[in-house]
Amino acid sequence: MKKQLPPGQFETDKWPILHEGDVYEFDEKTWTFRLFGEVKKEVILPYEQVMKLPKTISSIDMHCVTTWSKFDTTFEGIAFREFLRLVELEPDVKYVKIYGYLNKNPLGYSANLPLEALMGDDALFVYRWKDAQNDWQDISPKHGYPLRFIPPASFYLWKGAKWATGICFMKKDEPGYWEQRGYSMTANPFKEERFASPSEWLRSFF
């Protein structure tokens, strides 16, 4: 069955590279992954401990707000739900922010997402990939090495984070990096939710 291409998108076999700021230079000695926010106890994981978590392999379609879509890229990574098992949430947590490096700041980039949408195999912190043209290989530094969050295909790709550094658990939705700059809080490519309406943008701050 032919995949559905979201409105305003074109299909590509390539995996284009787009990002804000400098490419992060990985240093295993200093890299950590933080679970914080509305949790009973904050958790900070070193790289070695993160890589010991259970692994998931899943094919995920990617839809970029810059109008390209890439179908059937297979990723190996750590499912979001594996990190969720490491913390005890406060009551009524319904949202998260996924954080990543931006210009050497480990919390410089963020993207907001609803918690309930991230429980499947298609919400992955990835480190390896393959497709019809490429065998298994580590993601490159420009693609987000050592760990990049790939969101489900029901979100534009900016809802992921290159050089991922943590998850903040929240009771109320808050805008992330691009949302603060006028992009949609919900970002459904099949509804072409690229930019926030004026009312949506105002609600995100009040």
N, C-alpha and C. Protein backbone atom coordinates (compact mmCIF):
# COMPACT_ATOMS: atom_id res chain seq x y z
N MET A 1 0.84 -1.20 0.00
CA MET A 1 0.00 0.00 0.00
C MET A 1 0.88 1.25 0.00
N LYS A 2 0.58 2.16 -0.90
CA LYS A 2 1.36 3.39 -0.99
C LYS A 2 1.11 4.26 0.23
N LYS A 3 2.19 4.81 0.75
CA LYS A 3 2.09 5.66 1.94
C LYS A 3 1.43 6.99 1.59
N GLN A 4 0.75 7.55 2.57
CA GLN A 4 0.13 8.85 2.38
C GLN A 4 1.15 9.96 2.58
N LEU A 5 1.26 10.82 1.60
CA LEU A 5 2.15 11.97 1.69
C LEU A 5 1.35 13.14 2.25
N PRO A 6 1.81 13.75 3.36
CA PRO A 6 1.06 14.88 3.92
C PRO A 6 0.95 16.03 2.92
N PRO A 7 -0.05 16.87 3.05
CA PRO A 7 -0.22 17.99 2.12
C PRO A 7 0.99 18.93 2.17
N GLY A 8 1.37 19.42 0.98
CA GLY A 8 2.48 20.36 0.91
C GLY A 8 3.86 19.72 0.98
N GLN A 9 3.95 18.39 0.98
CA GLN A 9 5.22 17.68 1.11
C GLN A 9 5.61 17.02 -0.21
N PHE A 10 6.93 16.78 -0.38
CA PHE A 10 7.40 15.95 -1.49
C PHE A 10 8.24 14.81 -0.92
N GLU A 11 8.26 13.67 -1.60
CA GLU A 11 8.97 12.50 -1.12
C GLU A 11 10.42 12.53 -1.60
N THR A 12 11.34 12.15 -0.70
CA THR A 12 12.75 12.05 -1.05
C THR A 12 13.33 10.76 -0.48
N ASP A 13 14.34 10.21 -1.18
CA ASP A 13 15.07 9.05 -0.67
C ASP A 13 16.24 9.47 0.22
N LYS A 14 16.60 10.74 0.14
CA LYS A 14 17.73 11.25 0.93
C LYS A 14 17.26 11.61 2.34
N TRP A 15 18.23 11.78 3.24
CA TRP A 15 17.95 12.26 4.59
C TRP A 15 18.63 13.62 4.72
N PRO A 16 17.93 14.70 4.38
CA PRO A 16 18.54 16.03 4.42
C PRO A 16 19.02 16.41 5.82
N ILE A 17 20.00 17.29 5.86
CA ILE A 17 20.57 17.74 7.12
C ILE A 17 20.21 19.21 7.33
N LEU A 18 19.45 19.48 8.38
CA LEU A 18 19.11 20.83 8.77
C LEU A 18 19.17 20.91 10.29
N HIS A 19 19.74 21.97 10.81
CA HIS A 19 19.76 22.14 12.26
C HIS A 19 20.13 23.56 12.61
N GLU A 20 19.85 23.90 13.85
CA GLU A 20 20.24 25.20 14.40
C GLU A 20 21.62 25.09 15.03
N GLY A 21 22.42 26.12 14.89
CA GLY A 21 23.67 26.21 15.64
C GLY A 21 24.76 25.27 15.18
N ASP A 22 25.75 25.11 16.05
CA ASP A 22 26.94 24.31 15.76
C ASP A 22 26.65 22.82 15.92
N VAL A 23 27.43 22.01 15.24
CA VAL A 23 27.37 20.56 15.42
C VAL A 23 28.05 20.20 16.74
N TYR A 24 27.33 19.48 17.58
CA TYR A 24 27.86 19.11 18.90
C TYR A 24 28.98 18.10 18.76
N GLU A 25 30.07 18.31 19.48
CA GLU A 25 31.20 17.39 19.51
C GLU A 25 31.08 16.51 20.75
N PHE A 26 30.77 15.24 20.52
CA PHE A 26 30.48 14.31 21.62
C PHE A 26 31.71 14.04 22.48
N ASP A 27 31.51 14.12 23.80
CA ASP A 27 32.54 13.77 24.78
C ASP A 27 31.87 12.86 25.80
N GLU A 28 32.17 11.57 25.74
CA GLU A 28 31.52 10.59 26.62
C GLU A 28 31.73 10.92 28.09
N LYS A 29 32.84 11.51 28.44
CA LYS A 29 33.15 11.80 29.85
C LYS A 29 32.23 12.86 30.43
N THR A 30 31.74 13.77 29.61
CA THR A 30 30.92 14.87 30.13
C THR A 30 29.45 14.76 29.74
N TRP A 31 29.13 13.90 28.77
CA TRP A 31 27.76 13.78 28.29
C TRP A 31 26.88 13.10 29.33
N THR A 32 25.71 13.66 29.59
CA THR A 32 24.72 13.04 30.48
C THR A 32 23.33 13.21 29.89
N PHE A 33 22.41 12.40 30.40
CA PHE A 33 21.01 12.47 29.99
C PHE A 33 20.18 12.67 31.25
N ARG A 34 19.38 13.74 31.27
CA ARG A 34 18.69 14.19 32.48
C ARG A 34 17.18 13.96 32.38
N LEU A 35 16.58 13.40 33.41
CA LEU A 35 15.13 13.23 33.54
C LEU A 35 14.68 14.10 34.70
N PHE A 36 13.89 15.12 34.41
CA PHE A 36 13.62 16.13 35.46
C PHE A 36 12.24 16.74 35.25
N GLY A 37 11.95 17.79 36.02
CA GLY A 37 10.64 18.42 35.96
C GLY A 37 9.72 17.87 37.03
N GLU A 38 8.51 17.50 36.65
CA GLU A 38 7.50 17.02 37.59
C GLU A 38 7.71 15.54 37.90
N VAL A 39 8.82 15.25 38.57
CA VAL A 39 9.16 13.88 38.98
C VAL A 39 9.46 13.87 40.47
N LYS A 40 9.29 12.70 41.08
CA LYS A 40 9.57 12.59 42.52
C LYS A 40 11.05 12.80 42.81
N LYS A 41 11.91 12.30 41.90
CA LYS A 41 13.35 12.44 42.08
C LYS A 41 14.01 12.54 40.71
N GLU A 42 14.80 13.58 40.52
CA GLU A 42 15.51 13.77 39.25
C GLU A 42 16.54 12.67 39.05
N VAL A 43 16.71 12.26 37.80
CA VAL A 43 17.68 11.22 37.45
C VAL A 43 18.64 11.76 36.39
N ILE A 44 19.94 11.54 36.60
CA ILE A 44 20.95 11.92 35.62
C ILE A 44 21.73 10.68 35.24
N LEU A 45 21.73 10.35 33.94
CA LEU A 45 22.34 9.12 33.47
C LEU A 45 23.59 9.41 32.65
N PRO A 46 24.71 8.71 32.93
CA PRO A 46 25.88 8.81 32.05
C PRO A 46 25.64 8.02 30.76
N TYR A 47 26.47 8.26 29.77
CA TYR A 47 26.32 7.63 28.47
C TYR A 47 26.30 6.10 28.58
N GLU A 48 27.20 5.54 29.35
CA GLU A 48 27.29 4.07 29.47
C GLU A 48 25.99 3.48 29.99
N GLN A 49 25.37 4.14 30.95
CA GLN A 49 24.13 3.63 31.52
C GLN A 49 22.97 3.76 30.53
N VAL A 50 22.93 4.85 29.79
CA VAL A 50 21.90 5.02 28.77
C VAL A 50 21.98 3.90 27.74
N MET A 51 23.19 3.58 27.31
CA MET A 51 23.35 2.58 26.26
C MET A 51 23.11 1.16 26.74
N LYS A 52 22.93 0.95 28.03
CA LYS A 52 22.57 -0.36 28.56
C LYS A 52 21.06 -0.57 28.62
N LEU A 53 20.29 0.48 28.34
CA LEU A 53 18.84 0.36 28.36
C LEU A 53 18.36 -0.52 27.21
N PRO A 54 17.19 -1.15 27.35
CA PRO A 54 16.66 -2.01 26.27
C PRO A 54 16.56 -1.25 24.95
N LYS A 55 16.81 -1.95 23.86
CA LYS A 55 16.83 -1.35 22.53
C LYS A 55 15.57 -1.73 21.73
N THR A 56 15.21 -0.87 20.82
CA THR A 56 14.07 -1.09 19.93
C THR A 56 14.49 -0.77 18.50
N ILE A 57 14.04 -1.58 17.55
CA ILE A 57 14.23 -1.31 16.13
C ILE A 57 12.87 -1.04 15.52
N SER A 58 12.75 0.08 14.80
CA SER A 58 11.47 0.48 14.25
C SER A 58 11.67 1.30 12.99
N SER A 59 10.79 1.15 12.02
CA SER A 59 10.80 1.98 10.82
C SER A 59 9.83 3.15 11.04
N ILE A 60 10.33 4.36 10.82
CA ILE A 60 9.57 5.57 11.10
C ILE A 60 9.63 6.49 9.89
N ASP A 61 8.49 7.01 9.49
CA ASP A 61 8.44 8.00 8.43
C ASP A 61 8.74 9.38 9.02
N MET A 62 9.50 10.18 8.27
CA MET A 62 9.88 11.51 8.74
C MET A 62 9.28 12.57 7.82
N HIS A 63 8.68 13.58 8.42
CA HIS A 63 8.08 14.68 7.68
C HIS A 63 8.64 16.00 8.21
N CYS A 64 9.41 16.68 7.38
CA CYS A 64 10.05 17.93 7.80
C CYS A 64 9.18 19.12 7.40
N VAL A 65 9.12 20.11 8.26
CA VAL A 65 8.32 21.31 7.97
C VAL A 65 8.85 22.06 6.75
N THR A 66 10.10 21.80 6.36
CA THR A 66 10.65 22.43 5.16
C THR A 66 10.15 21.76 3.87
N THR A 67 9.24 20.81 4.01
CA THR A 67 8.40 20.19 2.97
C THR A 67 8.90 18.85 2.44
N TRP A 68 10.02 18.28 2.94
CA TRP A 68 10.40 16.95 2.47
C TRP A 68 9.86 15.88 3.42
N SER A 69 9.58 14.71 2.85
CA SER A 69 9.17 13.54 3.62
C SER A 69 10.02 12.35 3.17
N LYS A 70 10.43 11.55 4.12
CA LYS A 70 11.22 10.34 3.84
C LYS A 70 10.54 9.17 4.51
N PHE A 71 10.14 8.18 3.71
CA PHE A 71 9.43 7.02 4.23
C PHE A 71 10.41 5.88 4.57
N ASP A 72 9.99 5.08 5.54
CA ASP A 72 10.61 3.77 5.82
C ASP A 72 12.10 3.83 6.15
N THR A 73 12.51 4.77 6.96
CA THR A 73 13.86 4.72 7.52
C THR A 73 13.81 3.88 8.78
N THR A 74 14.70 2.91 8.88
CA THR A 74 14.72 2.02 10.04
C THR A 74 15.77 2.50 11.03
N PHE A 75 15.34 2.63 12.27
CA PHE A 75 16.21 3.13 13.33
C PHE A 75 16.38 2.09 14.43
N GLU A 76 17.54 2.10 15.06
CA GLU A 76 17.75 1.38 16.31
C GLU A 76 17.98 2.41 17.40
N GLY A 77 17.29 2.25 18.51
CA GLY A 77 17.45 3.22 19.58
C GLY A 77 16.75 2.77 20.85
N ILE A 78 16.55 3.74 21.72
CA ILE A 78 15.93 3.49 23.02
C ILE A 78 14.56 4.16 23.01
N ALA A 79 13.53 3.38 23.21
CA ALA A 79 12.18 3.92 23.18
C ALA A 79 11.98 4.91 24.33
N PHE A 80 11.22 5.94 24.06
CA PHE A 80 10.90 6.94 25.09
C PHE A 80 10.42 6.26 26.37
N ARG A 81 9.58 5.24 26.23
CA ARG A 81 8.98 4.60 27.40
C ARG A 81 10.02 3.98 28.33
N GLU A 82 11.20 3.64 27.81
CA GLU A 82 12.25 3.07 28.67
C GLU A 82 12.76 4.12 29.67
N PHE A 83 12.84 5.36 29.23
CA PHE A 83 13.24 6.43 30.16
C PHE A 83 12.14 6.72 31.17
N LEU A 84 10.90 6.61 30.72
CA LEU A 84 9.77 6.85 31.61
C LEU A 84 9.77 5.87 32.78
N ARG A 85 10.26 4.67 32.56
CA ARG A 85 10.29 3.65 33.61
C ARG A 85 11.30 3.98 34.71
N LEU A 86 12.18 4.93 34.46
CA LEU A 86 13.25 5.25 35.42
C LEU A 86 12.86 6.33 36.41
N VAL A 87 11.68 6.92 36.23
CA VAL A 87 11.25 8.00 37.12
C VAL A 87 9.82 7.75 37.61
N GLU A 88 9.50 8.34 38.74
CA GLU A 88 8.13 8.33 39.25
C GLU A 88 7.57 9.73 39.03
N LEU A 89 6.53 9.82 38.24
CA LEU A 89 5.97 11.12 37.89
C LEU A 89 5.06 11.65 39.00
N GLU A 90 5.00 12.96 39.10
CA GLU A 90 4.00 13.60 39.93
C GLU A 90 2.63 13.42 39.26
N PRO A 91 1.53 13.61 40.02
CA PRO A 91 0.20 13.45 39.41
C PRO A 91 -0.03 14.46 38.28
N ASP A 92 -0.82 14.03 37.29
CA ASP A 92 -1.31 14.90 36.22
C ASP A 92 -0.23 15.37 35.24
N VAL A 93 0.85 14.62 35.10
CA VAL A 93 1.83 14.94 34.07
C VAL A 93 1.27 14.50 32.72
N LYS A 94 1.17 15.44 31.76
CA LYS A 94 0.58 15.14 30.47
C LYS A 94 1.46 15.56 29.29
N TYR A 95 2.54 16.27 29.56
CA TYR A 95 3.39 16.79 28.49
C TYR A 95 4.86 16.61 28.83
N VAL A 96 5.68 16.70 27.80
CA VAL A 96 7.13 16.67 28.01
C VAL A 96 7.78 17.70 27.10
N LYS A 97 9.01 18.05 27.45
CA LYS A 97 9.90 18.73 26.53
C LYS A 97 11.12 17.83 26.34
N ILE A 98 11.47 17.60 25.08
CA ILE A 98 12.69 16.88 24.75
C ILE A 98 13.78 17.93 24.51
N TYR A 99 14.90 17.78 25.22
CA TYR A 99 15.98 18.76 25.14
C TYR A 99 17.17 18.23 24.35
N GLY A 100 17.93 19.15 23.77
CA GLY A 100 19.15 18.81 23.06
C GLY A 100 20.11 19.98 23.04
N TYR A 101 21.35 19.70 22.67
CA TYR A 101 22.38 20.73 22.61
C TYR A 101 22.06 21.78 21.55
N LEU A 102 22.35 23.03 21.87
CA LEU A 102 22.35 24.12 20.90
C LEU A 102 23.48 25.06 21.28
N ASN A 103 24.49 25.12 20.41
CA ASN A 103 25.65 25.98 20.66
C ASN A 103 26.25 25.77 22.05
N LYS A 104 26.52 24.49 22.35
CA LYS A 104 27.19 24.06 23.58
C LYS A 104 26.32 24.12 24.84
N ASN A 105 25.08 24.56 24.69
CA ASN A 105 24.15 24.58 25.82
C ASN A 105 23.32 23.29 25.79
N PRO A 106 23.44 22.42 26.80
CA PRO A 106 22.71 21.15 26.77
C PRO A 106 21.20 21.29 26.84
N LEU A 107 20.71 22.46 27.24
CA LEU A 107 19.27 22.71 27.28
C LEU A 107 18.88 23.81 26.29
N GLY A 108 19.71 24.00 25.28
CA GLY A 108 19.48 25.09 24.33
C GLY A 108 18.33 24.85 23.38
N TYR A 109 18.12 23.59 23.01
CA TYR A 109 17.03 23.23 22.10
C TYR A 109 15.98 22.45 22.86
N SER A 110 14.72 22.69 22.54
CA SER A 110 13.65 21.91 23.17
C SER A 110 12.45 21.84 22.24
N ALA A 111 11.66 20.80 22.41
CA ALA A 111 10.41 20.63 21.65
C ALA A 111 9.38 20.00 22.56
N ASN A 112 8.18 20.57 22.56
CA ASN A 112 7.11 20.06 23.41
C ASN A 112 6.29 18.99 22.71
N LEU A 113 5.83 18.01 23.49
CA LEU A 113 5.03 16.90 22.96
C LEU A 113 4.08 16.39 24.02
N PRO A 114 2.93 15.84 23.62
CA PRO A 114 2.03 15.19 24.59
C PRO A 114 2.58 13.83 24.99
N LEU A 115 2.56 13.56 26.27
CA LEU A 115 3.12 12.32 26.79
C LEU A 115 2.46 11.08 26.19
N GLU A 116 1.15 11.09 26.05
CA GLU A 116 0.42 9.90 25.61
C GLU A 116 0.79 9.47 24.19
N ALA A 117 1.34 10.37 23.39
CA ALA A 117 1.69 10.05 22.00
C ALA A 117 3.03 9.34 21.87
N LEU A 118 3.74 9.16 22.99
CA LEU A 118 5.13 8.71 22.93
C LEU A 118 5.34 7.32 23.51
N MET A 119 4.31 6.53 23.61
CA MET A 119 4.42 5.24 24.27
C MET A 119 4.74 4.07 23.34
N GLY A 120 4.77 4.33 22.02
CA GLY A 120 4.98 3.25 21.06
C GLY A 120 6.41 3.11 20.59
N ASP A 121 6.60 2.18 19.64
CA ASP A 121 7.93 1.94 19.07
C ASP A 121 8.38 3.05 18.13
N ASP A 122 7.49 3.99 17.84
CA ASP A 122 7.83 5.06 16.89
C ASP A 122 8.24 6.37 17.59
N ALA A 123 8.57 6.29 18.86
CA ALA A 123 9.12 7.45 19.60
C ALA A 123 10.46 6.99 20.16
N LEU A 124 11.53 7.27 19.42
CA LEU A 124 12.83 6.65 19.68
C LEU A 124 13.96 7.66 19.82
N PHE A 125 14.82 7.41 20.80
CA PHE A 125 16.11 8.09 20.88
C PHE A 125 17.10 7.20 20.13
N VAL A 126 17.50 7.62 18.94
CA VAL A 126 18.19 6.73 18.01
C VAL A 126 19.69 7.00 17.95
N TYR A 127 20.42 5.96 17.57
CA TYR A 127 21.87 6.09 17.37
C TYR A 127 22.34 5.34 16.12
N ARG A 128 21.48 4.48 15.55
CA ARG A 128 21.82 3.79 14.29
C ARG A 128 20.64 3.85 13.35
N TRP A 129 20.93 3.72 12.04
CA TRP A 129 19.86 3.77 11.05
C TRP A 129 20.25 3.01 9.79
N LYS A 130 19.25 2.69 8.98
CA LYS A 130 19.46 2.14 7.64
C LYS A 130 18.22 2.45 6.81
N ASP A 131 18.37 2.35 5.49
CA ASP A 131 17.23 2.48 4.60
C ASP A 131 17.50 1.64 3.34
N ALA A 132 16.71 1.82 2.31
CA ALA A 132 16.85 1.01 1.10
C ALA A 132 18.18 1.23 0.40
N GLN A 133 18.80 2.38 0.62
CA GLN A 133 20.06 2.70 -0.04
C GLN A 133 21.29 2.54 0.87
N ASN A 134 21.07 2.39 2.17
CA ASN A 134 22.19 2.39 3.13
C ASN A 134 22.05 1.24 4.11
N ASP A 135 23.17 0.55 4.38
CA ASP A 135 23.20 -0.47 5.42
C ASP A 135 23.28 0.20 6.79
N TRP A 136 23.19 -0.63 7.84
CA TRP A 136 23.27 -0.10 9.20
C TRP A 136 24.52 0.75 9.38
N GLN A 137 24.33 1.90 10.01
CA GLN A 137 25.44 2.78 10.34
C GLN A 137 25.03 3.70 11.48
N ASP A 138 26.03 4.17 12.23
CA ASP A 138 25.75 5.15 13.27
C ASP A 138 25.23 6.43 12.64
N ILE A 139 24.33 7.13 13.34
CA ILE A 139 23.97 8.45 12.85
C ILE A 139 25.21 9.34 12.93
N SER A 140 25.34 10.23 12.00
CA SER A 140 26.52 11.10 11.94
C SER A 140 26.38 12.23 12.97
N PRO A 141 27.49 12.91 13.30
CA PRO A 141 27.38 14.08 14.18
C PRO A 141 26.39 15.11 13.65
N LYS A 142 26.34 15.31 12.34
CA LYS A 142 25.40 16.29 11.79
C LYS A 142 23.95 15.83 11.90
N HIS A 143 23.74 14.53 12.03
CA HIS A 143 22.39 14.02 12.22
C HIS A 143 22.02 13.88 13.70
N GLY A 144 22.96 14.17 14.61
CA GLY A 144 22.60 14.19 16.01
C GLY A 144 23.33 13.23 16.92
N TYR A 145 24.43 12.63 16.46
CA TYR A 145 25.18 11.69 17.29
C TYR A 145 25.61 12.36 18.60
N PRO A 146 25.52 11.66 19.75
CA PRO A 146 25.33 10.22 19.90
C PRO A 146 23.88 9.76 20.05
N LEU A 147 22.94 10.71 20.24
CA LEU A 147 21.56 10.30 20.48
C LEU A 147 20.63 11.38 19.94
N ARG A 148 19.71 10.96 19.09
CA ARG A 148 18.76 11.89 18.51
C ARG A 148 17.35 11.37 18.70
N PHE A 149 16.44 12.25 19.10
CA PHE A 149 15.06 11.84 19.24
C PHE A 149 14.34 11.98 17.92
N ILE A 150 13.73 10.89 17.47
CA ILE A 150 12.89 10.88 16.28
C ILE A 150 11.44 10.73 16.76
N PRO A 151 10.57 11.70 16.45
CA PRO A 151 9.18 11.61 16.92
C PRO A 151 8.34 10.73 16.01
N PRO A 152 7.16 10.34 16.47
CA PRO A 152 6.24 9.62 15.59
C PRO A 152 5.92 10.43 14.34
N ALA A 153 5.50 9.74 13.27
CA ALA A 153 5.22 10.40 11.99
C ALA A 153 4.02 11.33 12.05
N SER A 154 3.29 11.34 13.15
CA SER A 154 2.16 12.25 13.32
C SER A 154 2.60 13.64 13.75
N PHE A 155 3.94 13.85 13.81
CA PHE A 155 4.49 15.17 14.14
C PHE A 155 5.55 15.55 13.10
N TYR A 156 5.64 16.84 12.80
CA TYR A 156 6.76 17.30 12.00
C TYR A 156 8.07 17.02 12.74
N LEU A 157 9.13 16.87 11.97
CA LEU A 157 10.40 16.40 12.51
C LEU A 157 11.05 17.36 13.49
N TRP A 158 10.68 18.66 13.47
CA TRP A 158 11.29 19.56 14.46
C TRP A 158 10.91 19.19 15.89
N LYS A 159 9.88 18.35 16.05
CA LYS A 159 9.51 17.89 17.39
C LYS A 159 10.51 16.87 17.93
N GLY A 160 11.48 16.49 17.13
CA GLY A 160 12.59 15.70 17.62
C GLY A 160 13.68 16.64 18.13
N ALA A 161 14.78 16.08 18.55
CA ALA A 161 15.91 16.90 19.02
C ALA A 161 17.21 16.20 18.68
N LYS A 162 18.08 16.89 17.96
CA LYS A 162 19.44 16.37 17.76
C LYS A 162 20.24 16.52 19.05
N TRP A 163 21.26 15.66 19.20
CA TRP A 163 22.16 15.72 20.36
C TRP A 163 21.35 15.78 21.66
N ALA A 164 20.42 14.82 21.77
CA ALA A 164 19.45 14.83 22.87
C ALA A 164 20.13 14.74 24.23
N THR A 165 19.60 15.48 25.17
CA THR A 165 20.20 15.56 26.51
C THR A 165 19.23 15.31 27.65
N GLY A 166 17.94 15.18 27.36
CA GLY A 166 17.05 14.94 28.48
C GLY A 166 15.58 15.12 28.16
N ILE A 167 14.78 14.80 29.18
CA ILE A 167 13.33 14.91 29.11
C ILE A 167 12.84 15.66 30.34
N CYS A 168 12.07 16.71 30.11
CA CYS A 168 11.42 17.43 31.20
C CYS A 168 9.95 17.05 31.19
N PHE A 169 9.44 16.58 32.33
CA PHE A 169 8.04 16.17 32.44
C PHE A 169 7.23 17.33 32.99
N MET A 170 6.07 17.60 32.37
CA MET A 170 5.31 18.80 32.69
C MET A 170 3.81 18.49 32.86
N LYS A 171 3.16 19.27 33.71
CA LYS A 171 1.71 19.17 33.86
C LYS A 171 0.98 20.01 32.82
N LYS A 172 1.58 21.11 32.41
CA LYS A 172 0.99 21.98 31.41
C LYS A 172 1.90 22.08 30.20
N ASP A 173 1.31 22.24 29.05
CA ASP A 173 2.07 22.36 27.81
C ASP A 173 2.83 23.69 27.80
N GLU A 174 4.06 23.64 27.32
CA GLU A 174 4.89 24.84 27.21
C GLU A 174 5.58 24.85 25.85
N PRO A 175 5.74 26.00 25.23
CA PRO A 175 6.40 26.05 23.92
C PRO A 175 7.88 25.73 24.02
N GLY A 176 8.39 25.03 23.02
CA GLY A 176 9.82 24.77 22.92
C GLY A 176 10.49 25.82 22.05
N TYR A 177 11.66 25.46 21.53
CA TYR A 177 12.49 26.43 20.79
C TYR A 177 11.76 27.01 19.58
N TRP A 178 11.25 26.16 18.70
CA TRP A 178 10.59 26.66 17.50
C TRP A 178 9.18 27.15 17.79
N GLU A 179 8.54 26.57 18.78
CA GLU A 179 7.20 27.03 19.14
C GLU A 179 7.25 28.48 19.65
N GLN A 180 8.30 28.83 20.35
CA GLN A 180 8.46 30.21 20.79
C GLN A 180 8.66 31.16 19.61
N ARG A 181 9.02 30.63 18.48
CA ARG A 181 9.29 31.44 17.29
C ARG A 181 8.16 31.35 16.27
N GLY A 182 7.00 30.93 16.74
CA GLY A 182 5.80 30.99 15.90
C GLY A 182 5.35 29.71 15.25
N TYR A 183 6.04 28.59 15.55
CA TYR A 183 5.61 27.32 14.97
C TYR A 183 4.51 26.69 15.82
N SER A 184 3.80 25.75 15.22
CA SER A 184 2.64 25.13 15.85
C SER A 184 3.01 24.34 17.10
N MET A 185 2.17 24.40 18.09
CA MET A 185 2.37 23.61 19.30
C MET A 185 2.10 22.13 19.04
N THR A 186 1.21 21.83 18.10
CA THR A 186 0.79 20.44 17.87
C THR A 186 1.46 19.80 16.67
N ALA A 187 1.73 20.54 15.60
CA ALA A 187 2.63 20.12 14.51
C ALA A 187 2.25 18.82 13.83
N ASN A 188 0.98 18.66 13.51
CA ASN A 188 0.54 17.47 12.78
C ASN A 188 0.73 17.71 11.27
N PRO A 189 1.61 16.95 10.60
CA PRO A 189 1.85 17.19 9.18
C PRO A 189 0.65 16.88 8.29
N PHE A 190 -0.21 15.96 8.73
CA PHE A 190 -1.37 15.60 7.90
C PHE A 190 -2.47 16.66 7.97
N LYS A 191 -2.38 17.54 8.96
CA LYS A 191 -3.28 18.69 9.05
C LYS A 191 -2.55 19.97 8.64
N GLU A 192 -1.29 19.82 8.22
CA GLU A 192 -0.43 20.93 7.80
C GLU A 192 -0.34 22.01 8.88
N GLU A 193 -0.10 21.55 10.11
CA GLU A 193 0.02 22.47 11.25
C GLU A 193 1.47 22.95 11.36
N ARG A 194 1.85 23.81 10.46
CA ARG A 194 3.23 24.31 10.43
C ARG A 194 3.43 25.48 11.40
N PHE A 195 2.51 26.41 11.35
CA PHE A 195 2.66 27.63 12.14
C PHE A 195 1.49 27.79 13.09
N ALA A 196 1.75 28.45 14.21
CA ALA A 196 0.71 28.67 15.19
C ALA A 196 -0.25 29.76 14.72
N SER A 197 -1.52 29.56 15.01
CA SER A 197 -2.47 30.65 14.82
C SER A 197 -2.20 31.69 15.91
N PRO A 198 -2.62 32.93 15.74
CA PRO A 198 -2.39 33.95 16.78
C PRO A 198 -2.92 33.53 18.14
N SER A 199 -4.09 32.90 18.18
CA SER A 199 -4.67 32.49 19.47
C SER A 199 -3.86 31.36 20.09
N GLU A 200 -3.40 30.41 19.27
CA GLU A 200 -2.59 29.30 19.78
C GLU A 200 -1.28 29.82 20.33
N TRP A 201 -0.65 30.75 19.63
CA TRP A 201 0.63 31.30 20.07
C TRP A 201 0.48 32.01 21.40
N LEU A 202 -0.58 32.79 21.57
CA LEU A 202 -0.80 33.51 22.82
C LEU A 202 -1.09 32.55 23.97
N ARG A 203 -1.90 31.51 23.70
CA ARG A 203 -2.22 30.55 24.75
C ARG A 203 -1.00 29.82 25.25
N SER A 204 -0.01 29.64 24.41
CA SER A 204 1.17 28.88 24.80
C SER A 204 2.01 29.62 25.84
N PHE A 205 1.78 30.90 26.00
CA PHE A 205 2.57 31.68 26.95
C PHE A 205 1.80 32.11 28.19
N PHE A 206 0.49 31.86 28.21
CA PHE A 206 -0.33 32.36 29.33
C PHE A 206 -1.17 31.24 29.92
